[in-house]
N, C-alpha and C. Protein backbone atom coordinates (compact mmCIF):
# COMPACT_ATOMS: atom_id res chain seq x y z
N MET A 1 3.75 17.82 -8.35
CA MET A 1 3.99 16.51 -7.73
C MET A 1 3.99 15.45 -8.83
N THR A 2 5.16 15.09 -9.30
CA THR A 2 5.28 14.09 -10.35
C THR A 2 6.47 13.19 -10.08
N LEU A 3 6.44 12.02 -10.72
CA LEU A 3 7.63 11.18 -10.75
C LEU A 3 8.64 11.82 -11.68
N GLN A 4 9.86 12.00 -11.19
CA GLN A 4 10.87 12.69 -11.98
C GLN A 4 12.13 11.84 -12.11
N GLN A 5 12.99 12.27 -12.99
CA GLN A 5 14.23 11.54 -13.25
C GLN A 5 15.04 11.37 -11.97
N GLY A 6 15.48 10.13 -11.74
CA GLY A 6 16.31 9.83 -10.59
C GLY A 6 15.58 9.69 -9.28
N ASP A 7 14.25 9.70 -9.31
CA ASP A 7 13.48 9.58 -8.07
C ASP A 7 13.77 8.27 -7.34
N LYS A 8 13.77 8.34 -6.03
CA LYS A 8 13.80 7.16 -5.17
C LYS A 8 12.43 7.06 -4.51
N VAL A 9 11.78 5.93 -4.70
CA VAL A 9 10.42 5.73 -4.21
C VAL A 9 10.42 4.61 -3.18
N VAL A 10 10.01 4.91 -1.96
CA VAL A 10 9.87 3.90 -0.92
C VAL A 10 8.41 3.50 -0.83
N ILE A 11 8.16 2.18 -0.91
CA ILE A 11 6.81 1.65 -0.75
C ILE A 11 6.79 0.83 0.53
N ILE A 12 5.88 1.17 1.43
CA ILE A 12 5.85 0.54 2.74
C ILE A 12 4.45 0.05 3.06
N GLY A 13 4.37 -1.09 3.75
CA GLY A 13 3.07 -1.65 4.10
C GLY A 13 3.22 -2.98 4.79
N ASP A 14 2.22 -3.85 4.59
CA ASP A 14 2.18 -5.16 5.26
C ASP A 14 2.56 -6.27 4.29
N SER A 15 1.99 -7.46 4.46
CA SER A 15 2.37 -8.61 3.65
C SER A 15 2.04 -8.43 2.17
N ILE A 16 1.02 -7.64 1.85
CA ILE A 16 0.67 -7.41 0.45
C ILE A 16 1.83 -6.70 -0.25
N THR A 17 2.51 -5.84 0.47
CA THR A 17 3.68 -5.13 -0.05
C THR A 17 4.93 -6.00 0.06
N ASP A 18 5.09 -6.65 1.17
CA ASP A 18 6.28 -7.47 1.47
C ASP A 18 6.54 -8.51 0.38
N CYS A 19 5.68 -9.49 0.28
CA CYS A 19 5.75 -10.53 -0.76
C CYS A 19 7.16 -11.10 -0.96
N GLU A 20 7.81 -11.45 0.15
CA GLU A 20 9.13 -12.09 0.12
C GLU A 20 10.22 -11.18 -0.42
N ARG A 21 10.14 -9.90 -0.12
CA ARG A 21 11.18 -8.97 -0.59
C ARG A 21 12.49 -9.25 0.15
N ALA A 22 13.57 -8.75 -0.42
CA ALA A 22 14.90 -9.01 0.12
C ALA A 22 15.09 -8.38 1.49
N ARG A 23 15.82 -9.09 2.35
CA ARG A 23 16.21 -8.58 3.66
C ARG A 23 17.70 -8.89 3.87
N PRO A 24 18.54 -7.88 4.12
CA PRO A 24 18.21 -6.45 4.09
C PRO A 24 17.92 -5.99 2.67
N VAL A 25 17.45 -4.76 2.55
CA VAL A 25 17.13 -4.22 1.23
C VAL A 25 18.37 -4.30 0.35
N GLY A 26 18.21 -4.88 -0.82
CA GLY A 26 19.35 -5.06 -1.71
C GLY A 26 19.13 -4.39 -3.05
N GLU A 27 20.21 -4.03 -3.69
CA GLU A 27 20.15 -3.47 -5.04
C GLU A 27 20.69 -4.51 -6.01
N GLY A 28 19.97 -4.67 -7.11
CA GLY A 28 20.44 -5.57 -8.15
C GLY A 28 20.27 -7.04 -7.82
N LEU A 29 19.57 -7.35 -6.74
CA LEU A 29 19.35 -8.75 -6.38
C LEU A 29 18.11 -9.28 -7.05
N PHE A 30 18.15 -10.50 -7.55
CA PHE A 30 16.96 -11.10 -8.13
C PHE A 30 15.90 -11.24 -7.04
N GLY A 31 14.73 -10.71 -7.31
CA GLY A 31 13.66 -10.81 -6.33
C GLY A 31 13.76 -9.81 -5.19
N ALA A 32 14.64 -8.80 -5.33
CA ALA A 32 14.83 -7.85 -4.23
C ALA A 32 13.55 -7.10 -3.88
N LEU A 33 12.67 -6.93 -4.85
CA LEU A 33 11.44 -6.19 -4.62
C LEU A 33 10.27 -7.10 -4.27
N GLY A 34 10.53 -8.39 -4.13
CA GLY A 34 9.46 -9.31 -3.80
C GLY A 34 8.76 -9.84 -5.03
N LYS A 35 7.66 -10.53 -4.80
CA LYS A 35 6.94 -11.21 -5.88
C LYS A 35 5.54 -10.64 -6.10
N GLY A 36 5.33 -9.40 -5.65
CA GLY A 36 3.99 -8.83 -5.73
C GLY A 36 3.93 -7.53 -6.51
N TYR A 37 2.98 -6.67 -6.12
CA TYR A 37 2.70 -5.46 -6.90
C TYR A 37 3.90 -4.51 -6.94
N VAL A 38 4.76 -4.51 -5.92
CA VAL A 38 5.92 -3.60 -5.93
C VAL A 38 6.83 -3.95 -7.10
N SER A 39 7.10 -5.23 -7.28
CA SER A 39 7.94 -5.68 -8.38
C SER A 39 7.30 -5.37 -9.74
N VAL A 40 5.99 -5.58 -9.83
CA VAL A 40 5.28 -5.30 -11.08
C VAL A 40 5.28 -3.80 -11.37
N PHE A 41 5.03 -3.00 -10.33
CA PHE A 41 5.06 -1.54 -10.48
C PHE A 41 6.42 -1.09 -11.00
N ASP A 42 7.48 -1.61 -10.41
CA ASP A 42 8.83 -1.27 -10.86
C ASP A 42 9.04 -1.68 -12.32
N ALA A 43 8.60 -2.88 -12.68
CA ALA A 43 8.77 -3.35 -14.05
C ALA A 43 8.01 -2.47 -15.04
N LEU A 44 6.81 -2.05 -14.67
CA LEU A 44 6.04 -1.16 -15.54
C LEU A 44 6.73 0.19 -15.70
N LEU A 45 7.25 0.71 -14.58
CA LEU A 45 7.98 1.98 -14.64
C LEU A 45 9.20 1.89 -15.54
N GLN A 46 9.98 0.81 -15.35
CA GLN A 46 11.21 0.67 -16.13
C GLN A 46 10.91 0.43 -17.61
N THR A 47 9.77 -0.19 -17.88
CA THR A 47 9.39 -0.46 -19.27
C THR A 47 8.89 0.79 -19.96
N GLU A 48 8.01 1.54 -19.27
CA GLU A 48 7.39 2.70 -19.88
C GLU A 48 8.27 3.95 -19.82
N HIS A 49 9.11 4.03 -18.79
CA HIS A 49 9.92 5.24 -18.61
C HIS A 49 11.37 4.89 -18.24
N PRO A 50 12.06 4.15 -19.11
CA PRO A 50 13.44 3.75 -18.78
C PRO A 50 14.38 4.95 -18.68
N GLU A 51 14.01 6.05 -19.31
CA GLU A 51 14.88 7.23 -19.30
C GLU A 51 14.92 7.92 -17.94
N LEU A 52 13.96 7.61 -17.06
CA LEU A 52 13.88 8.30 -15.78
C LEU A 52 14.80 7.70 -14.71
N GLY A 53 15.16 6.44 -14.85
CA GLY A 53 16.06 5.82 -13.87
C GLY A 53 15.53 5.84 -12.46
N ILE A 54 14.24 5.56 -12.30
CA ILE A 54 13.62 5.60 -10.97
C ILE A 54 13.99 4.36 -10.18
N ARG A 55 14.32 4.55 -8.90
CA ARG A 55 14.63 3.43 -8.02
C ARG A 55 13.46 3.19 -7.07
N VAL A 56 12.98 1.97 -7.02
CA VAL A 56 11.90 1.58 -6.12
C VAL A 56 12.47 0.73 -5.00
N VAL A 57 12.09 1.03 -3.77
CA VAL A 57 12.55 0.29 -2.59
C VAL A 57 11.34 -0.27 -1.87
N ASN A 58 11.35 -1.57 -1.61
CA ASN A 58 10.25 -2.24 -0.92
C ASN A 58 10.58 -2.36 0.57
N MET A 59 9.73 -1.72 1.40
CA MET A 59 9.89 -1.81 2.85
C MET A 59 8.65 -2.42 3.51
N GLY A 60 7.97 -3.30 2.79
CA GLY A 60 6.83 -4.00 3.36
C GLY A 60 7.26 -5.00 4.43
N LEU A 61 6.38 -5.25 5.40
CA LEU A 61 6.67 -6.21 6.45
C LEU A 61 5.38 -6.93 6.83
N SER A 62 5.39 -8.23 6.60
CA SER A 62 4.20 -9.05 6.82
C SER A 62 3.66 -8.90 8.23
N GLY A 63 2.34 -8.80 8.35
CA GLY A 63 1.68 -8.73 9.64
C GLY A 63 1.54 -7.34 10.22
N ASN A 64 2.12 -6.35 9.56
CA ASN A 64 2.12 -4.99 10.12
C ASN A 64 0.73 -4.35 10.14
N THR A 65 0.51 -3.57 11.20
CA THR A 65 -0.59 -2.62 11.26
C THR A 65 0.00 -1.22 11.10
N VAL A 66 -0.86 -0.22 11.09
CA VAL A 66 -0.35 1.14 10.98
C VAL A 66 0.53 1.50 12.17
N MET A 67 0.27 0.90 13.34
CA MET A 67 1.10 1.18 14.51
C MET A 67 2.49 0.58 14.35
N ASP A 68 2.57 -0.60 13.76
CA ASP A 68 3.88 -1.22 13.49
C ASP A 68 4.67 -0.40 12.49
N VAL A 69 3.99 0.06 11.46
CA VAL A 69 4.63 0.89 10.44
C VAL A 69 5.15 2.18 11.06
N GLU A 70 4.34 2.78 11.91
CA GLU A 70 4.76 4.04 12.55
C GLU A 70 6.01 3.82 13.41
N ALA A 71 6.09 2.67 14.07
CA ALA A 71 7.23 2.39 14.95
C ALA A 71 8.54 2.29 14.18
N ARG A 72 8.49 1.90 12.91
CA ARG A 72 9.71 1.76 12.12
C ARG A 72 9.85 2.83 11.03
N TRP A 73 9.00 3.83 11.09
CA TRP A 73 8.96 4.85 10.03
C TRP A 73 10.29 5.60 9.89
N ASN A 74 10.92 5.90 11.00
CA ASN A 74 12.16 6.69 10.92
C ASN A 74 13.25 5.96 10.15
N THR A 75 13.48 4.69 10.50
CA THR A 75 14.55 3.93 9.84
C THR A 75 14.15 3.48 8.44
N ASP A 76 12.89 3.08 8.26
CA ASP A 76 12.49 2.44 7.00
C ASP A 76 11.95 3.41 5.97
N VAL A 77 11.69 4.66 6.38
CA VAL A 77 11.23 5.66 5.42
C VAL A 77 12.11 6.91 5.48
N ILE A 78 12.10 7.61 6.59
CA ILE A 78 12.80 8.90 6.68
C ILE A 78 14.29 8.75 6.38
N GLN A 79 14.93 7.75 6.99
CA GLN A 79 16.38 7.58 6.79
C GLN A 79 16.74 7.01 5.42
N GLN A 80 15.75 6.62 4.65
CA GLN A 80 15.99 6.19 3.26
C GLN A 80 16.09 7.39 2.32
N HIS A 81 15.69 8.57 2.81
CA HIS A 81 15.74 9.81 2.03
C HIS A 81 15.06 9.68 0.66
N PRO A 82 13.78 9.28 0.67
CA PRO A 82 13.08 9.12 -0.60
C PRO A 82 12.59 10.45 -1.17
N ASP A 83 12.32 10.43 -2.46
CA ASP A 83 11.65 11.58 -3.09
C ASP A 83 10.14 11.40 -3.00
N GLY A 84 9.69 10.15 -3.01
CA GLY A 84 8.27 9.86 -2.90
C GLY A 84 8.04 8.65 -2.02
N VAL A 85 6.89 8.61 -1.35
CA VAL A 85 6.53 7.52 -0.46
C VAL A 85 5.14 7.03 -0.80
N ILE A 86 4.99 5.70 -0.88
CA ILE A 86 3.69 5.07 -1.09
C ILE A 86 3.39 4.21 0.13
N LEU A 87 2.24 4.45 0.74
CA LEU A 87 1.84 3.72 1.95
C LEU A 87 0.58 2.93 1.69
N CYS A 88 0.66 1.62 1.92
CA CYS A 88 -0.50 0.73 1.77
C CYS A 88 -0.64 -0.06 3.07
N ILE A 89 -1.53 0.40 3.96
CA ILE A 89 -1.65 -0.22 5.27
C ILE A 89 -3.10 -0.14 5.75
N GLY A 90 -3.50 -1.12 6.57
CA GLY A 90 -4.83 -1.09 7.14
C GLY A 90 -5.54 -2.43 7.15
N ILE A 91 -5.09 -3.36 6.31
CA ILE A 91 -5.78 -4.65 6.25
C ILE A 91 -5.69 -5.38 7.59
N ASN A 92 -4.50 -5.45 8.17
CA ASN A 92 -4.36 -6.15 9.46
C ASN A 92 -5.04 -5.40 10.59
N ASP A 93 -5.11 -4.08 10.46
CA ASP A 93 -5.80 -3.28 11.47
C ASP A 93 -7.26 -3.72 11.58
N VAL A 94 -7.86 -4.07 10.46
CA VAL A 94 -9.23 -4.57 10.43
C VAL A 94 -9.28 -6.07 10.69
N TRP A 95 -8.44 -6.82 10.01
CA TRP A 95 -8.50 -8.29 10.03
C TRP A 95 -8.36 -8.86 11.44
N ARG A 96 -7.44 -8.29 12.22
CA ARG A 96 -7.22 -8.81 13.58
C ARG A 96 -8.48 -8.71 14.44
N GLN A 97 -9.36 -7.80 14.10
CA GLN A 97 -10.61 -7.68 14.86
C GLN A 97 -11.58 -8.82 14.55
N PHE A 98 -11.28 -9.57 13.47
CA PHE A 98 -12.15 -10.67 13.07
C PHE A 98 -11.51 -12.03 13.29
N ASP A 99 -10.21 -12.18 12.97
CA ASP A 99 -9.59 -13.50 13.14
C ASP A 99 -9.00 -13.68 14.54
N MET A 100 -8.83 -12.58 15.28
CA MET A 100 -8.36 -12.64 16.66
C MET A 100 -9.23 -11.73 17.53
N PRO A 101 -10.52 -11.98 17.59
CA PRO A 101 -11.44 -11.05 18.23
C PRO A 101 -11.21 -10.84 19.72
N HIS A 102 -10.61 -11.83 20.40
CA HIS A 102 -10.40 -11.72 21.84
C HIS A 102 -9.03 -11.18 22.22
N VAL A 103 -8.17 -11.01 21.21
CA VAL A 103 -6.82 -10.47 21.47
C VAL A 103 -6.86 -8.98 21.17
N GLU A 104 -7.44 -8.25 22.08
CA GLU A 104 -7.74 -6.85 21.80
C GLU A 104 -6.49 -5.98 21.66
N GLU A 105 -5.38 -6.42 22.23
CA GLU A 105 -4.17 -5.62 22.09
C GLU A 105 -3.65 -5.61 20.65
N SER A 106 -4.14 -6.53 19.83
CA SER A 106 -3.73 -6.56 18.43
C SER A 106 -4.66 -5.72 17.54
N HIS A 107 -5.72 -5.18 18.13
CA HIS A 107 -6.70 -4.42 17.36
C HIS A 107 -6.29 -2.96 17.22
N VAL A 108 -6.50 -2.41 16.05
CA VAL A 108 -6.28 -0.98 15.82
C VAL A 108 -7.62 -0.41 15.36
N TYR A 109 -8.30 0.29 16.27
CA TYR A 109 -9.63 0.78 15.96
C TYR A 109 -9.56 2.03 15.09
N ALA A 110 -10.69 2.38 14.52
CA ALA A 110 -10.74 3.41 13.48
C ALA A 110 -10.14 4.74 13.92
N ASP A 111 -10.45 5.18 15.13
CA ASP A 111 -9.94 6.48 15.58
C ASP A 111 -8.41 6.45 15.73
N THR A 112 -7.89 5.32 16.23
CA THR A 112 -6.44 5.17 16.37
C THR A 112 -5.77 5.11 15.01
N TYR A 113 -6.40 4.38 14.10
CA TYR A 113 -5.89 4.26 12.73
C TYR A 113 -5.80 5.63 12.06
N GLU A 114 -6.87 6.39 12.18
CA GLU A 114 -6.91 7.71 11.53
C GLU A 114 -5.86 8.65 12.12
N ALA A 115 -5.71 8.62 13.43
CA ALA A 115 -4.74 9.50 14.08
C ALA A 115 -3.31 9.14 13.66
N ALA A 116 -3.01 7.86 13.61
CA ALA A 116 -1.66 7.43 13.21
C ALA A 116 -1.38 7.78 11.76
N LEU A 117 -2.35 7.56 10.90
CA LEU A 117 -2.18 7.89 9.49
C LEU A 117 -1.93 9.38 9.31
N ASP A 118 -2.67 10.17 10.05
CA ASP A 118 -2.51 11.62 9.98
C ASP A 118 -1.11 12.03 10.45
N ARG A 119 -0.63 11.42 11.54
CA ARG A 119 0.72 11.75 12.03
C ARG A 119 1.78 11.41 10.99
N LEU A 120 1.65 10.26 10.35
CA LEU A 120 2.65 9.84 9.38
C LEU A 120 2.73 10.80 8.20
N VAL A 121 1.56 11.21 7.71
CA VAL A 121 1.56 12.12 6.57
C VAL A 121 2.11 13.49 6.97
N LYS A 122 1.69 14.01 8.12
CA LYS A 122 2.19 15.30 8.59
C LYS A 122 3.71 15.28 8.75
N ARG A 123 4.21 14.18 9.28
CA ARG A 123 5.65 14.08 9.53
C ARG A 123 6.45 13.99 8.24
N THR A 124 5.88 13.34 7.24
CA THR A 124 6.64 12.99 6.04
C THR A 124 6.55 14.01 4.93
N LYS A 125 5.40 14.62 4.74
CA LYS A 125 5.20 15.51 3.60
C LYS A 125 6.25 16.60 3.47
N PRO A 126 6.70 17.23 4.58
CA PRO A 126 7.72 18.28 4.43
C PRO A 126 9.08 17.76 3.96
N GLN A 127 9.27 16.44 4.03
CA GLN A 127 10.59 15.87 3.71
C GLN A 127 10.64 15.16 2.36
N VAL A 128 9.50 15.07 1.69
CA VAL A 128 9.46 14.41 0.37
C VAL A 128 8.75 15.32 -0.62
N ARG A 129 8.86 14.98 -1.88
CA ARG A 129 8.16 15.79 -2.89
C ARG A 129 6.71 15.36 -3.04
N TRP A 130 6.44 14.06 -2.81
CA TRP A 130 5.06 13.59 -2.94
C TRP A 130 4.84 12.33 -2.10
N MET A 131 3.57 12.08 -1.79
CA MET A 131 3.16 10.86 -1.10
C MET A 131 1.91 10.31 -1.79
N ALA A 132 1.72 9.01 -1.68
CA ALA A 132 0.51 8.36 -2.17
C ALA A 132 -0.03 7.44 -1.09
N LEU A 133 -1.32 7.50 -0.83
CA LEU A 133 -1.99 6.64 0.15
C LEU A 133 -2.91 5.69 -0.58
N MET A 134 -2.79 4.40 -0.23
CA MET A 134 -3.62 3.36 -0.83
C MET A 134 -4.58 2.81 0.21
N THR A 135 -5.81 2.56 -0.17
CA THR A 135 -6.78 2.03 0.77
C THR A 135 -6.52 0.56 1.06
N PRO A 136 -6.88 0.10 2.26
CA PRO A 136 -6.95 -1.35 2.48
C PRO A 136 -8.14 -1.89 1.70
N TYR A 137 -8.23 -3.20 1.56
CA TYR A 137 -9.31 -3.78 0.76
C TYR A 137 -9.67 -5.16 1.30
N TYR A 138 -10.82 -5.64 0.89
CA TYR A 138 -11.24 -7.01 1.17
C TYR A 138 -11.90 -7.52 -0.10
N ILE A 139 -11.42 -8.63 -0.63
CA ILE A 139 -11.89 -9.12 -1.93
C ILE A 139 -13.20 -9.89 -1.73
N GLU A 140 -14.23 -9.13 -1.41
CA GLU A 140 -15.56 -9.64 -1.11
C GLU A 140 -16.59 -8.71 -1.75
N PRO A 141 -17.39 -9.21 -2.69
CA PRO A 141 -18.34 -8.32 -3.39
C PRO A 141 -19.53 -7.88 -2.55
N ASN A 142 -19.87 -8.62 -1.51
CA ASN A 142 -21.01 -8.28 -0.66
C ASN A 142 -20.63 -7.15 0.28
N GLN A 143 -21.07 -5.94 -0.01
CA GLN A 143 -20.69 -4.80 0.79
C GLN A 143 -21.35 -4.78 2.16
N GLU A 144 -22.30 -5.69 2.39
CA GLU A 144 -22.93 -5.81 3.70
C GLU A 144 -22.20 -6.81 4.60
N ASP A 145 -21.23 -7.54 4.03
CA ASP A 145 -20.40 -8.42 4.84
C ASP A 145 -19.72 -7.57 5.91
N GLU A 146 -19.66 -8.09 7.13
CA GLU A 146 -19.20 -7.28 8.26
C GLU A 146 -17.76 -6.81 8.10
N MET A 147 -16.88 -7.71 7.65
CA MET A 147 -15.48 -7.31 7.48
C MET A 147 -15.33 -6.36 6.29
N ARG A 148 -16.08 -6.61 5.23
CA ARG A 148 -16.03 -5.70 4.07
C ARG A 148 -16.51 -4.31 4.47
N ARG A 149 -17.56 -4.24 5.28
CA ARG A 149 -18.10 -2.97 5.71
C ARG A 149 -17.07 -2.18 6.52
N MET A 150 -16.36 -2.88 7.43
CA MET A 150 -15.34 -2.20 8.22
C MET A 150 -14.15 -1.79 7.35
N MET A 151 -13.78 -2.63 6.39
CA MET A 151 -12.67 -2.28 5.51
C MET A 151 -13.01 -1.02 4.72
N ASP A 152 -14.26 -0.90 4.29
CA ASP A 152 -14.68 0.31 3.58
C ASP A 152 -14.60 1.54 4.48
N GLU A 153 -14.90 1.35 5.77
CA GLU A 153 -14.79 2.45 6.72
C GLU A 153 -13.34 2.94 6.80
N TYR A 154 -12.41 2.00 6.89
CA TYR A 154 -10.99 2.37 6.98
C TYR A 154 -10.52 2.96 5.65
N GLY A 155 -11.06 2.46 4.55
CA GLY A 155 -10.74 3.06 3.26
C GLY A 155 -11.20 4.50 3.17
N GLY A 156 -12.35 4.78 3.77
CA GLY A 156 -12.84 6.16 3.83
C GLY A 156 -11.91 7.06 4.62
N ILE A 157 -11.31 6.51 5.66
CA ILE A 157 -10.33 7.28 6.45
C ILE A 157 -9.13 7.64 5.59
N VAL A 158 -8.67 6.68 4.78
CA VAL A 158 -7.53 6.96 3.89
C VAL A 158 -7.90 8.06 2.90
N ARG A 159 -9.10 7.98 2.34
CA ARG A 159 -9.53 9.01 1.39
C ARG A 159 -9.56 10.39 2.06
N ARG A 160 -10.14 10.47 3.25
CA ARG A 160 -10.20 11.75 3.95
C ARG A 160 -8.81 12.30 4.24
N THR A 161 -7.91 11.42 4.66
CA THR A 161 -6.55 11.85 4.98
C THR A 161 -5.84 12.36 3.73
N ALA A 162 -6.02 11.66 2.61
CA ALA A 162 -5.40 12.09 1.36
C ALA A 162 -5.94 13.45 0.92
N GLU A 163 -7.25 13.64 1.04
CA GLU A 163 -7.85 14.92 0.66
C GLU A 163 -7.40 16.04 1.60
N LYS A 164 -7.30 15.72 2.88
CA LYS A 164 -6.90 16.72 3.87
C LYS A 164 -5.49 17.23 3.61
N HIS A 165 -4.59 16.32 3.24
CA HIS A 165 -3.18 16.69 3.11
C HIS A 165 -2.72 16.84 1.66
N GLY A 166 -3.60 16.60 0.71
CA GLY A 166 -3.23 16.78 -0.68
C GLY A 166 -2.25 15.75 -1.21
N THR A 167 -2.38 14.50 -0.76
CA THR A 167 -1.52 13.44 -1.28
C THR A 167 -2.24 12.74 -2.45
N PHE A 168 -1.49 11.95 -3.19
CA PHE A 168 -2.12 11.08 -4.18
C PHE A 168 -2.95 10.03 -3.44
N PHE A 169 -4.00 9.55 -4.10
CA PHE A 169 -4.91 8.59 -3.48
C PHE A 169 -5.19 7.47 -4.47
N VAL A 170 -5.09 6.22 -3.98
CA VAL A 170 -5.39 5.05 -4.80
C VAL A 170 -6.47 4.24 -4.10
N ASP A 171 -7.63 4.10 -4.74
CA ASP A 171 -8.74 3.33 -4.18
C ASP A 171 -8.56 1.87 -4.58
N THR A 172 -7.77 1.16 -3.79
CA THR A 172 -7.45 -0.23 -4.10
C THR A 172 -8.70 -1.11 -4.05
N GLN A 173 -9.62 -0.80 -3.13
CA GLN A 173 -10.87 -1.56 -3.06
C GLN A 173 -11.64 -1.45 -4.37
N ALA A 174 -11.69 -0.27 -4.95
CA ALA A 174 -12.40 -0.09 -6.22
C ALA A 174 -11.76 -0.90 -7.34
N VAL A 175 -10.44 -1.06 -7.27
CA VAL A 175 -9.73 -1.88 -8.26
C VAL A 175 -10.23 -3.32 -8.22
N PHE A 176 -10.37 -3.86 -7.01
CA PHE A 176 -10.84 -5.23 -6.88
C PHE A 176 -12.34 -5.35 -7.15
N ASP A 177 -13.10 -4.33 -6.80
CA ASP A 177 -14.53 -4.36 -7.08
C ASP A 177 -14.79 -4.48 -8.58
N ARG A 178 -13.97 -3.82 -9.37
CA ARG A 178 -14.12 -3.92 -10.83
C ARG A 178 -13.87 -5.35 -11.30
N LEU A 179 -12.84 -5.98 -10.76
CA LEU A 179 -12.54 -7.36 -11.14
C LEU A 179 -13.65 -8.32 -10.68
N LEU A 180 -14.23 -8.02 -9.51
CA LEU A 180 -15.25 -8.90 -8.94
C LEU A 180 -16.56 -8.88 -9.72
N LEU A 181 -16.70 -7.96 -10.64
CA LEU A 181 -17.88 -7.95 -11.50
C LEU A 181 -17.91 -9.19 -12.39
N ASN A 182 -16.72 -9.75 -12.66
CA ASN A 182 -16.64 -10.90 -13.55
C ASN A 182 -15.86 -12.08 -12.98
N MET A 183 -15.36 -11.94 -11.76
CA MET A 183 -14.53 -13.00 -11.18
C MET A 183 -15.00 -13.31 -9.76
N TYR A 184 -14.89 -14.57 -9.38
CA TYR A 184 -15.21 -14.99 -8.02
C TYR A 184 -14.01 -14.66 -7.14
N PRO A 185 -14.23 -14.29 -5.87
CA PRO A 185 -13.11 -13.91 -5.00
C PRO A 185 -11.98 -14.92 -4.97
N ALA A 186 -12.30 -16.22 -4.96
CA ALA A 186 -11.26 -17.24 -4.88
C ALA A 186 -10.37 -17.26 -6.12
N ALA A 187 -10.84 -16.67 -7.21
CA ALA A 187 -10.02 -16.59 -8.42
C ALA A 187 -8.98 -15.49 -8.31
N LEU A 188 -9.08 -14.67 -7.26
CA LEU A 188 -8.14 -13.58 -7.04
C LEU A 188 -7.31 -13.76 -5.78
N ALA A 189 -7.90 -14.38 -4.75
CA ALA A 189 -7.18 -14.55 -3.49
C ALA A 189 -7.83 -15.68 -2.69
N TRP A 190 -7.04 -16.64 -2.25
CA TRP A 190 -7.59 -17.80 -1.54
C TRP A 190 -8.25 -17.39 -0.23
N ASP A 191 -7.75 -16.32 0.38
CA ASP A 191 -8.30 -15.87 1.67
C ASP A 191 -8.98 -14.51 1.57
N ARG A 192 -9.18 -14.03 0.34
CA ARG A 192 -9.81 -12.73 0.06
C ARG A 192 -8.96 -11.54 0.50
N VAL A 193 -7.71 -11.82 0.78
CA VAL A 193 -6.78 -10.74 1.19
C VAL A 193 -5.49 -10.78 0.39
N HIS A 194 -4.83 -11.94 0.34
CA HIS A 194 -3.53 -12.04 -0.33
C HIS A 194 -3.74 -12.41 -1.80
N PRO A 195 -3.59 -11.45 -2.71
CA PRO A 195 -3.96 -11.69 -4.10
C PRO A 195 -2.94 -12.52 -4.87
N ASN A 196 -3.43 -13.15 -5.93
CA ASN A 196 -2.53 -13.80 -6.88
C ASN A 196 -1.97 -12.74 -7.82
N MET A 197 -1.28 -13.16 -8.88
CA MET A 197 -0.62 -12.19 -9.73
C MET A 197 -1.60 -11.30 -10.48
N ILE A 198 -2.81 -11.79 -10.73
CA ILE A 198 -3.83 -10.93 -11.35
C ILE A 198 -4.09 -9.73 -10.44
N GLY A 199 -4.28 -10.01 -9.16
CA GLY A 199 -4.53 -8.94 -8.21
C GLY A 199 -3.35 -7.99 -8.07
N HIS A 200 -2.16 -8.56 -8.00
CA HIS A 200 -0.98 -7.70 -7.87
C HIS A 200 -0.79 -6.83 -9.11
N MET A 201 -1.05 -7.39 -10.28
CA MET A 201 -0.97 -6.60 -11.51
C MET A 201 -1.97 -5.45 -11.48
N ALA A 202 -3.18 -5.74 -11.01
CA ALA A 202 -4.21 -4.70 -10.94
C ALA A 202 -3.80 -3.57 -9.99
N ILE A 203 -3.21 -3.93 -8.85
CA ILE A 203 -2.74 -2.91 -7.91
C ILE A 203 -1.64 -2.07 -8.55
N ALA A 204 -0.68 -2.73 -9.18
CA ALA A 204 0.44 -2.01 -9.79
C ALA A 204 -0.04 -1.05 -10.88
N LYS A 205 -0.98 -1.49 -11.70
CA LYS A 205 -1.50 -0.63 -12.76
C LYS A 205 -2.25 0.57 -12.19
N SER A 206 -2.95 0.35 -11.06
CA SER A 206 -3.65 1.48 -10.45
C SER A 206 -2.66 2.52 -9.92
N LEU A 207 -1.52 2.06 -9.45
CA LEU A 207 -0.48 3.00 -9.00
C LEU A 207 0.09 3.78 -10.19
N ILE A 208 0.38 3.08 -11.26
CA ILE A 208 0.90 3.73 -12.46
C ILE A 208 -0.06 4.80 -12.95
N ASN A 209 -1.35 4.48 -12.92
CA ASN A 209 -2.36 5.42 -13.42
C ASN A 209 -2.53 6.62 -12.48
N ALA A 210 -2.22 6.43 -11.19
CA ALA A 210 -2.45 7.50 -10.21
C ALA A 210 -1.29 8.49 -10.12
N LEU A 211 -0.10 8.06 -10.54
CA LEU A 211 1.09 8.90 -10.34
C LEU A 211 1.51 9.54 -11.67
N PRO A 212 1.36 10.84 -11.81
CA PRO A 212 1.80 11.49 -13.04
C PRO A 212 3.31 11.48 -13.18
N VAL A 213 3.76 11.40 -14.42
CA VAL A 213 5.18 11.34 -14.71
C VAL A 213 5.61 12.62 -15.39
N SER A 214 6.73 13.18 -14.95
CA SER A 214 7.25 14.39 -15.54
C SER A 214 7.58 14.18 -17.01
N SER A 215 7.13 15.10 -17.85
CA SER A 215 7.38 14.97 -19.29
C SER A 215 8.75 15.55 -19.65
């Protein structure tokens, strides 16, 4: 399971992935990959491995939960015929339980989240060469904070799913925890969720480090 020459990589998720990406998906358009970690990841790939000619496609959609992603999986992932898929989802699944506590239809509880994640991986793995799962995160150093505690629970679900199915795993929360040793949350994200370019760079580098490249 490696990144290989000519690979097409679909990255799908919520607003952290979206970051104003092109609609419809465009090739060769300025800003087609958005202004976040997807664009940085692509730039790092093209810089370090220009000989591979890897194509990155951004299918992020702001506000999505894992249920929203599952509803569009066929058109936005399967029909794209990727060689590899990167999924970063779960923040809204947790966040809606805190910023919209009385709108229960917007909540995706842990058991539902885990079941949906499992279905997506089972459905996709036979059709691609590799998959990578990224944890949701909350840029809050206090692990006893209620939302941080729940985010860690959902991150644990991602880890279990990755181990169960043998996918690549990126602990995005750990990436931010390292930065938080020396930085205040507001220096990374005004709302502790949507990162500035420092945060997006950190996410992109963690992806680069997690995905082996064919020699």
